[in-house]
Amino acid sequence: MPILKSRLGDWELDHVQAWSDRTLVISADPVRLIEPTTKVATIGSCFASELAKMMDAVGIRGAMHPGGLFYSTATIRQELERIAGGWPERASEPIWDVGGGWVDPFRDYAVRQPDEPTLLAARAEADAAADTLFRGAGVVVVTLGLIETWRSRTSGATYRQIPHPAVFGDLRPEFHRLTVAEMVDDLERIHRVVREVLGAELAVTTSPVPLHSTFTALDVRVANVESKSRIRAAVSEFVDRHPDVHYFHSYEMVVTAERQSDYFREDGRHVEERAVRYIVSEFLRLFAAPELMLHDVDSSWLTPLAKTEAAPAPRARGPKPKPSLPRRVVRRVYRGANAMLRRSPA
């Protein structure tokens, strides 16, 4: 049984790990979720995309959601509930004429269609592809990115991101930062769809990529810490409630690294390709069959950990040295002058 030692005494506990005992590889119990025949569907922000790319390299069946990136629990929940037959609010939200084309409020804004019927046909095709992917999946991986959202004032639906500038003024969307409680509720509803409707395993992770920008009055660094902290707190509470949910520590791999800059490109936000490969290799090590793992993954670029050591004992103090002769003379003169001033009449 692990023992925690201190100056007060020792404790025998079920689990103990000191910061000084941490290793380069974050410890976690492996769970074999992915076999060669398992289809994996990913949805969310950056890690969902990067994992889907690497899946092809190792022969894992599946893909990322064809609708592109989904950054928040709210947008992921909406889409998974749509796959399960819900989310009626989407039908009441009009599509956007952005000048020179039509855009879907809940998909990639860079994709324009020449007219409304073409857009609705493309939406139906993408929906069908997503339905096929997720309804046949054995594992669903959800990656959460941020809490800053924009919502429709009429339907209450959450847009994919800040609405297109061509419609923003007329739309007057509501800016909203998701709370921990709201995200836990979203995750509970996601869990019901994945486990009860799709019958799949659920893995959750938090993106380590910082905010590109914030729509608050806060410094972007403060807004980013608040965003990631709320997400991580919500995921922690959610995973505690559900032992059947699997957490992957991509966020911790980056933010607890000895030098975070090892992971990032020159822009300080996006993760380097070698770092992506390393992170995905850890995901596969924990959750995939041996034949699906990435081999010969380089981690030599990571700065080694600096171990925490006990504070050095205080140095023994000897007798206080006598002041040098000039200082002694100055002190004597100073004391004499003060004595004379005290004796002089007011």
Protein backbone atom coordinates (compact mmCIF):
# COMPACT_ATOMS: atom_id res chain seq x y z
CA MET A 1 0.00 0.00 0.00
CA PRO A 2 1.43 3.46 -0.86
CA ILE A 3 2.83 5.45 2.04
CA LEU A 4 2.78 9.22 2.42
CA LYS A 5 5.66 10.41 4.60
CA SER A 6 5.87 13.71 6.43
CA ARG A 7 7.44 15.27 9.49
CA LEU A 8 4.22 14.48 11.35
CA GLY A 9 4.34 10.78 10.56
CA ASP A 10 3.30 8.33 7.86
CA TRP A 11 -0.06 7.49 6.27
CA GLU A 12 -0.99 4.28 4.45
CA LEU A 13 -3.35 5.23 1.58
CA ASP A 14 -4.90 3.65 -1.48
CA HIS A 15 -3.31 6.19 -3.83
CA VAL A 16 -0.38 8.55 -3.42
CA GLN A 17 1.82 10.19 -6.02
CA ALA A 18 4.10 13.12 -5.27
CA TRP A 19 4.87 15.80 -7.85
CA SER A 20 8.54 14.79 -7.55
CA ASP A 21 7.59 11.24 -8.63
CA ARG A 22 5.97 12.29 -11.92
CA THR A 23 7.39 10.88 -15.14
CA LEU A 24 7.49 12.07 -18.73
CA VAL A 25 4.60 9.74 -19.60
CA ILE A 26 1.40 10.54 -17.69
CA SER A 27 0.21 7.48 -15.83
CA ALA A 28 -3.24 6.12 -16.65
CA ASP A 29 -4.83 2.69 -16.73
CA PRO A 30 -5.10 1.35 -20.31
CA VAL A 31 -8.53 0.26 -21.51
CA ARG A 32 -8.73 -1.65 -24.77
CA LEU A 33 -11.55 0.08 -26.62
CA ILE A 34 -10.37 -0.05 -30.23
CA GLU A 35 -9.86 -3.28 -32.16
CA PRO A 36 -8.99 -3.54 -35.88
CA THR A 37 -12.71 -3.88 -36.67
CA THR A 38 -13.86 -1.01 -34.43
CA LYS A 39 -15.19 2.10 -36.13
CA VAL A 40 -14.18 5.33 -34.38
CA ALA A 41 -16.09 8.60 -34.86
CA THR A 42 -14.58 11.86 -33.66
CA ILE A 43 -16.29 15.20 -33.07
CA GLY A 44 -15.11 18.47 -31.59
CA SER A 45 -12.15 20.78 -32.01
CA CYS A 46 -8.54 20.28 -33.06
CA PHE A 47 -7.71 16.91 -31.47
CA ALA A 48 -10.75 15.35 -33.12
CA SER A 49 -9.32 16.35 -36.48
CA GLU A 50 -5.76 15.27 -35.72
CA LEU A 51 -6.86 11.89 -34.35
CA ALA A 52 -8.94 11.25 -37.46
CA LYS A 53 -5.90 11.94 -39.67
CA MET A 54 -3.72 9.52 -37.71
CA MET A 55 -6.41 6.85 -37.73
CA ASP A 56 -5.85 6.40 -41.45
CA ALA A 57 -2.11 5.94 -40.87
CA VAL A 58 -2.59 3.00 -38.49
CA GLY A 59 -5.60 1.44 -40.19
CA ILE A 60 -8.38 2.41 -37.77
CA ARG A 61 -11.81 2.54 -39.38
CA GLY A 62 -13.82 5.72 -39.01
CA ALA A 63 -13.51 9.46 -39.50
CA MET A 64 -14.18 12.91 -38.11
CA HIS A 65 -17.66 14.38 -38.33
CA PRO A 66 -18.06 15.60 -41.93
CA GLY A 67 -19.48 18.93 -40.74
CA GLY A 68 -16.09 20.22 -39.62
CA LEU A 69 -15.09 21.50 -36.19
CA PHE A 70 -17.47 21.81 -33.23
CA TYR A 71 -15.90 23.83 -30.45
CA SER A 72 -18.27 23.68 -27.46
CA THR A 73 -20.32 21.16 -25.50
CA ALA A 74 -23.46 22.95 -26.73
CA THR A 75 -22.73 22.54 -30.45
CA ILE A 76 -21.59 18.93 -30.00
CA ARG A 77 -24.69 18.12 -27.96
CA GLN A 78 -26.98 19.68 -30.58
CA GLU A 79 -25.45 17.66 -33.39
CA LEU A 80 -25.44 14.34 -31.52
CA GLU A 81 -29.05 14.87 -30.50
CA ARG A 82 -29.87 15.57 -34.14
CA ILE A 83 -28.30 12.23 -35.07
CA ALA A 84 -30.51 10.65 -32.40
CA GLY A 85 -33.61 12.27 -33.88
CA GLY A 86 -33.76 15.44 -31.78
CA TRP A 87 -32.77 19.13 -32.01
CA PRO A 88 -35.94 20.55 -33.62
CA GLU A 89 -34.66 24.11 -33.16
CA ARG A 90 -32.36 23.79 -36.17
CA ALA A 91 -35.28 23.66 -38.60
CA SER A 92 -36.58 27.01 -37.32
CA GLU A 93 -33.24 28.79 -37.83
CA PRO A 94 -33.00 30.36 -41.31
CA ILE A 95 -29.90 29.86 -43.41
CA TRP A 96 -27.80 32.93 -44.20
CA ASP A 97 -27.49 34.91 -47.40
CA VAL A 98 -23.98 36.33 -47.03
CA GLY A 99 -23.77 37.97 -50.43
CA GLY A 100 -22.42 35.81 -53.22
CA GLY A 101 -23.68 32.63 -51.62
CA TRP A 102 -25.61 30.90 -48.83
CA VAL A 103 -24.11 29.61 -45.58
CA ASP A 104 -25.34 27.06 -43.03
CA PRO A 105 -25.36 28.60 -39.51
CA PHE A 106 -24.32 25.26 -38.01
CA ARG A 107 -21.55 24.22 -40.41
CA ASP A 108 -18.31 25.60 -41.83
CA TYR A 109 -18.91 29.21 -42.93
CA ALA A 110 -16.24 28.95 -45.61
CA VAL A 111 -18.50 26.56 -47.54
CA ARG A 112 -20.95 28.61 -49.63
CA GLN A 113 -23.72 27.35 -51.84
CA PRO A 114 -25.15 29.26 -54.82
CA ASP A 115 -28.75 29.13 -53.60
CA GLU A 116 -30.95 27.90 -50.76
CA PRO A 117 -32.12 24.61 -52.36
CA THR A 118 -28.51 23.62 -53.09
CA LEU A 119 -27.51 24.36 -49.51
CA LEU A 120 -30.37 22.32 -48.06
CA ALA A 121 -29.49 19.43 -50.36
CA ALA A 122 -25.84 19.62 -49.25
CA ARG A 123 -26.97 19.73 -45.61
CA ALA A 124 -29.10 16.62 -46.08
CA GLU A 125 -26.17 14.80 -47.71
CA ALA A 126 -23.80 15.77 -44.89
CA ASP A 127 -26.40 14.76 -42.30
CA ALA A 128 -26.75 11.34 -43.91
CA ALA A 129 -22.96 10.86 -43.90
CA ALA A 130 -22.75 11.87 -40.24
CA ASP A 131 -25.63 9.57 -39.33
CA THR A 132 -23.93 6.63 -41.03
CA LEU A 133 -20.59 7.37 -39.36
CA PHE A 134 -21.90 7.75 -35.81
CA ARG A 135 -24.62 5.10 -35.91
CA GLY A 136 -22.03 2.52 -36.91
CA ALA A 137 -19.35 3.66 -34.44
CA GLY A 138 -18.08 1.54 -31.59
CA VAL A 139 -16.20 4.46 -30.03
CA VAL A 140 -17.05 8.17 -30.08
CA VAL A 141 -14.27 10.62 -29.18
CA VAL A 142 -15.40 14.10 -28.09
CA THR A 143 -12.89 16.96 -27.87
CA LEU A 144 -13.91 20.17 -26.09
CA GLY A 145 -12.34 23.49 -27.03
CA LEU A 146 -13.96 26.59 -25.54
CA ILE A 147 -16.79 28.13 -23.56
CA GLU A 148 -17.40 31.32 -25.57
CA THR A 149 -20.52 30.80 -27.69
CA TRP A 150 -23.04 32.77 -29.76
CA ARG A 151 -26.71 31.86 -29.59
CA SER A 152 -29.81 32.65 -31.61
CA ARG A 153 -32.17 35.03 -29.83
CA THR A 154 -35.16 33.38 -31.51
CA SER A 155 -34.51 29.63 -31.44
CA GLY A 156 -31.95 29.48 -28.60
CA ALA A 157 -29.70 27.28 -30.76
CA THR A 158 -25.94 27.71 -30.47
CA TYR A 159 -24.12 28.68 -33.65
CA ARG A 160 -20.96 26.93 -34.76
CA GLN A 161 -18.90 30.05 -33.96
CA ILE A 162 -19.34 33.83 -34.13
CA PRO A 163 -21.88 34.38 -36.93
CA HIS A 164 -20.75 35.47 -40.37
CA PRO A 165 -20.01 39.23 -40.54
CA ALA A 166 -22.49 39.64 -43.40
CA VAL A 167 -25.40 38.75 -41.08
CA PHE A 168 -24.01 39.60 -37.65
CA GLY A 169 -25.55 43.07 -37.39
CA ASP A 170 -29.08 42.08 -38.38
CA LEU A 171 -28.94 38.82 -36.46
CA ARG A 172 -27.93 40.40 -33.13
CA PRO A 173 -26.78 37.06 -31.68
CA GLU A 174 -26.42 36.59 -27.94
CA PHE A 175 -22.89 36.12 -26.61
CA HIS A 176 -22.73 33.55 -23.83
CA ARG A 177 -19.95 31.85 -21.87
CA LEU A 178 -20.95 28.36 -20.85
CA THR A 179 -20.92 27.63 -17.13
CA VAL A 180 -19.60 24.43 -15.57
CA ALA A 181 -23.18 23.39 -14.75
CA GLU A 182 -24.35 23.96 -18.32
CA MET A 183 -21.47 21.93 -19.74
CA VAL A 184 -22.07 19.08 -17.30
CA ASP A 185 -25.70 19.05 -18.46
CA ASP A 186 -24.57 19.01 -22.11
CA LEU A 187 -22.21 16.14 -21.37
CA GLU A 188 -24.97 14.19 -19.64
CA ARG A 189 -27.14 14.53 -22.76
CA ILE A 190 -24.19 13.58 -24.98
CA HIS A 191 -23.66 10.52 -22.78
CA ARG A 192 -27.29 9.44 -23.20
CA VAL A 193 -27.03 9.62 -26.99
CA VAL A 194 -23.67 7.86 -27.25
CA ARG A 195 -24.38 5.09 -24.76
CA GLU A 196 -28.13 4.53 -25.09
CA VAL A 197 -28.88 5.42 -28.71
CA LEU A 198 -25.60 4.68 -30.49
CA GLY A 199 -24.44 1.95 -28.12
CA ALA A 200 -20.85 3.18 -28.32
CA GLU A 201 -18.02 3.79 -25.88
CA LEU A 202 -17.40 7.45 -25.03
CA ALA A 203 -13.96 9.07 -24.70
CA VAL A 204 -13.61 12.73 -23.77
CA THR A 205 -10.64 15.06 -23.99
CA THR A 206 -9.87 18.77 -23.70
CA SER A 207 -8.02 20.63 -26.43
CA PRO A 208 -4.73 22.20 -25.26
CA VAL A 209 -4.86 24.83 -28.03
CA PRO A 210 -5.30 28.33 -26.50
CA LEU A 211 -8.04 30.71 -27.60
CA HIS A 212 -7.42 32.53 -30.86
CA SER A 213 -9.26 35.53 -29.41
CA THR A 214 -11.78 36.39 -26.72
CA PHE A 215 -15.04 38.31 -27.02
CA THR A 216 -14.86 39.42 -23.38
CA ALA A 217 -13.15 42.50 -21.94
CA LEU A 218 -10.55 40.20 -20.38
CA ASP A 219 -6.97 39.79 -21.49
CA VAL A 220 -6.96 36.78 -23.83
CA ARG A 221 -4.67 34.89 -21.44
CA VAL A 222 -7.10 35.33 -18.54
CA ALA A 223 -10.05 34.39 -20.78
CA ASN A 224 -8.19 31.30 -21.99
CA VAL A 225 -7.43 30.09 -18.45
CA GLU A 226 -11.06 30.63 -17.45
CA SER A 227 -12.25 28.77 -20.55
CA LYS A 228 -10.00 25.76 -20.10
CA SER A 229 -10.57 25.68 -16.33
CA ARG A 230 -14.35 25.57 -16.70
CA ILE A 231 -14.14 22.86 -19.36
CA ARG A 232 -11.74 20.76 -17.33
CA ALA A 233 -13.86 21.14 -14.19
CA ALA A 234 -17.01 20.09 -16.07
CA VAL A 235 -15.27 17.07 -17.59
CA SER A 236 -13.88 16.06 -14.19
CA GLU A 237 -17.31 16.16 -12.55
CA PHE A 238 -18.86 14.31 -15.49
CA VAL A 239 -16.26 11.54 -15.56
CA ASP A 240 -16.56 11.10 -11.78
CA ARG A 241 -20.28 10.39 -12.27
CA HIS A 242 -19.76 7.88 -15.07
CA PRO A 243 -17.12 5.13 -14.70
CA ASP A 244 -17.99 4.03 -18.26
CA VAL A 245 -16.60 7.30 -19.70
CA HIS A 246 -12.91 7.37 -20.63
CA TYR A 247 -10.84 10.52 -20.20
CA PHE A 248 -7.73 11.15 -22.28
CA HIS A 249 -5.16 13.62 -20.97
CA SER A 250 -4.04 15.48 -24.12
CA TYR A 251 -4.57 18.78 -22.30
CA GLU A 252 -2.38 17.77 -19.36
CA MET A 253 0.38 16.49 -21.63
CA VAL A 254 0.84 20.03 -22.93
CA VAL A 255 0.08 22.32 -20.00
CA THR A 256 2.12 20.33 -17.46
CA ALA A 257 5.09 19.89 -19.79
CA GLU A 258 8.38 21.18 -18.44
CA ARG A 259 8.38 23.59 -21.37
CA GLN A 260 5.01 24.13 -23.06
CA SER A 261 6.68 25.73 -26.06
CA ASP A 262 8.08 22.30 -26.97
CA TYR A 263 4.61 21.41 -28.24
CA PHE A 264 3.67 24.54 -30.15
CA ARG A 265 4.49 25.98 -33.53
CA GLU A 266 5.92 29.46 -33.89
CA ASP A 267 2.44 30.98 -33.51
CA GLY A 268 2.36 29.72 -29.90
CA ARG A 269 -1.09 28.14 -30.39
CA HIS A 270 -1.14 25.25 -32.82
CA VAL A 271 0.54 21.98 -31.93
CA GLU A 272 3.53 20.88 -34.01
CA GLU A 273 3.17 17.78 -36.17
CA ARG A 274 5.71 15.78 -34.15
CA ALA A 275 3.82 16.72 -30.97
CA VAL A 276 0.50 15.69 -32.53
CA ARG A 277 2.00 12.33 -33.42
CA TYR A 278 3.28 11.91 -29.87
CA ILE A 279 -0.10 12.81 -28.32
CA VAL A 280 -2.00 10.47 -30.65
CA SER A 281 0.49 7.68 -29.92
CA GLU A 282 -0.38 8.02 -26.23
CA PHE A 283 -4.10 7.84 -27.02
CA LEU A 284 -3.57 4.65 -29.00
CA ARG A 285 -1.29 3.19 -26.32
CA LEU A 286 -4.07 3.56 -23.77
CA PHE A 287 -7.09 2.60 -25.86
CA ALA A 288 -6.08 0.60 -28.96
CA ALA A 289 -5.00 -2.95 -29.75
CA PRO A 290 -1.20 -3.36 -30.10
CA GLU A 291 -1.35 -3.74 -33.88
CA LEU A 292 -3.00 -0.30 -34.16
CA MET A 293 -0.39 1.65 -32.25
CA LEU A 294 2.08 4.15 -33.67
CA HIS A 295 5.65 2.91 -33.44
CA ASP A 296 9.02 4.71 -33.55
CA VAL A 297 7.48 7.88 -32.14
CA ASP A 298 10.14 10.49 -31.37
CA SER A 299 9.95 12.22 -27.99
CA SER A 300 13.57 13.40 -27.81
CA TRP A 301 12.44 16.99 -28.43
CA LEU A 302 10.70 17.14 -25.04
CA THR A 303 12.55 18.98 -22.29
CA PRO A 304 13.38 16.52 -19.48
CA LEU A 305 11.51 16.92 -16.20
CA ALA A 306 13.19 18.83 -13.40
CA LYS A 307 12.53 16.83 -10.27
CA THR A 308 11.38 18.59 -7.12
CA GLU A 309 13.85 18.03 -4.29
CA ALA A 310 13.63 18.61 -0.56
CA ALA A 311 14.51 22.13 0.50
CA PRO A 312 18.15 22.39 1.63
CA ALA A 313 18.76 22.60 5.37
CA PRO A 314 19.46 26.12 6.62
CA ARG A 315 23.15 26.91 7.01
CA ALA A 316 24.49 27.07 10.56
CA ARG A 317 25.12 30.63 11.70
CA GLY A 318 28.38 31.47 13.49
CA PRO A 319 29.05 34.43 15.79
CA LYS A 320 28.21 37.80 14.32
CA PRO A 321 31.43 39.42 13.05
CA LYS A 322 32.54 42.70 14.60
CA PRO A 323 32.10 45.74 12.39
CA SER A 324 35.22 47.05 10.68
CA LEU A 325 37.24 49.83 12.35
CA PRO A 326 35.96 52.71 10.14
CA ARG A 327 32.35 51.77 10.81
CA ARG A 328 33.02 51.54 14.56
CA VAL A 329 34.49 55.02 14.53
CA VAL A 330 31.50 56.41 12.60
CA ARG A 331 29.09 54.85 15.07
CA ARG A 332 31.00 56.30 18.06
CA VAL A 333 30.97 59.79 16.57
CA TYR A 334 27.28 59.50 15.73
CA ARG A 335 26.41 58.44 19.30
CA GLY A 336 28.46 61.28 20.75
CA ALA A 337 26.76 63.85 18.54
CA ASN A 338 23.34 62.62 19.56
CA ALA A 339 24.28 62.83 23.25
CA MET A 340 25.40 66.45 22.86
CA LEU A 341 22.15 67.40 21.11
CA ARG A 342 20.07 65.89 23.89
CA ARG A 343 22.01 67.92 26.53
CA SER A 344 21.74 71.23 24.68
CA PRO A 345 18.96 73.69 25.75
CA ALA A 346 15.80 73.80 23.66
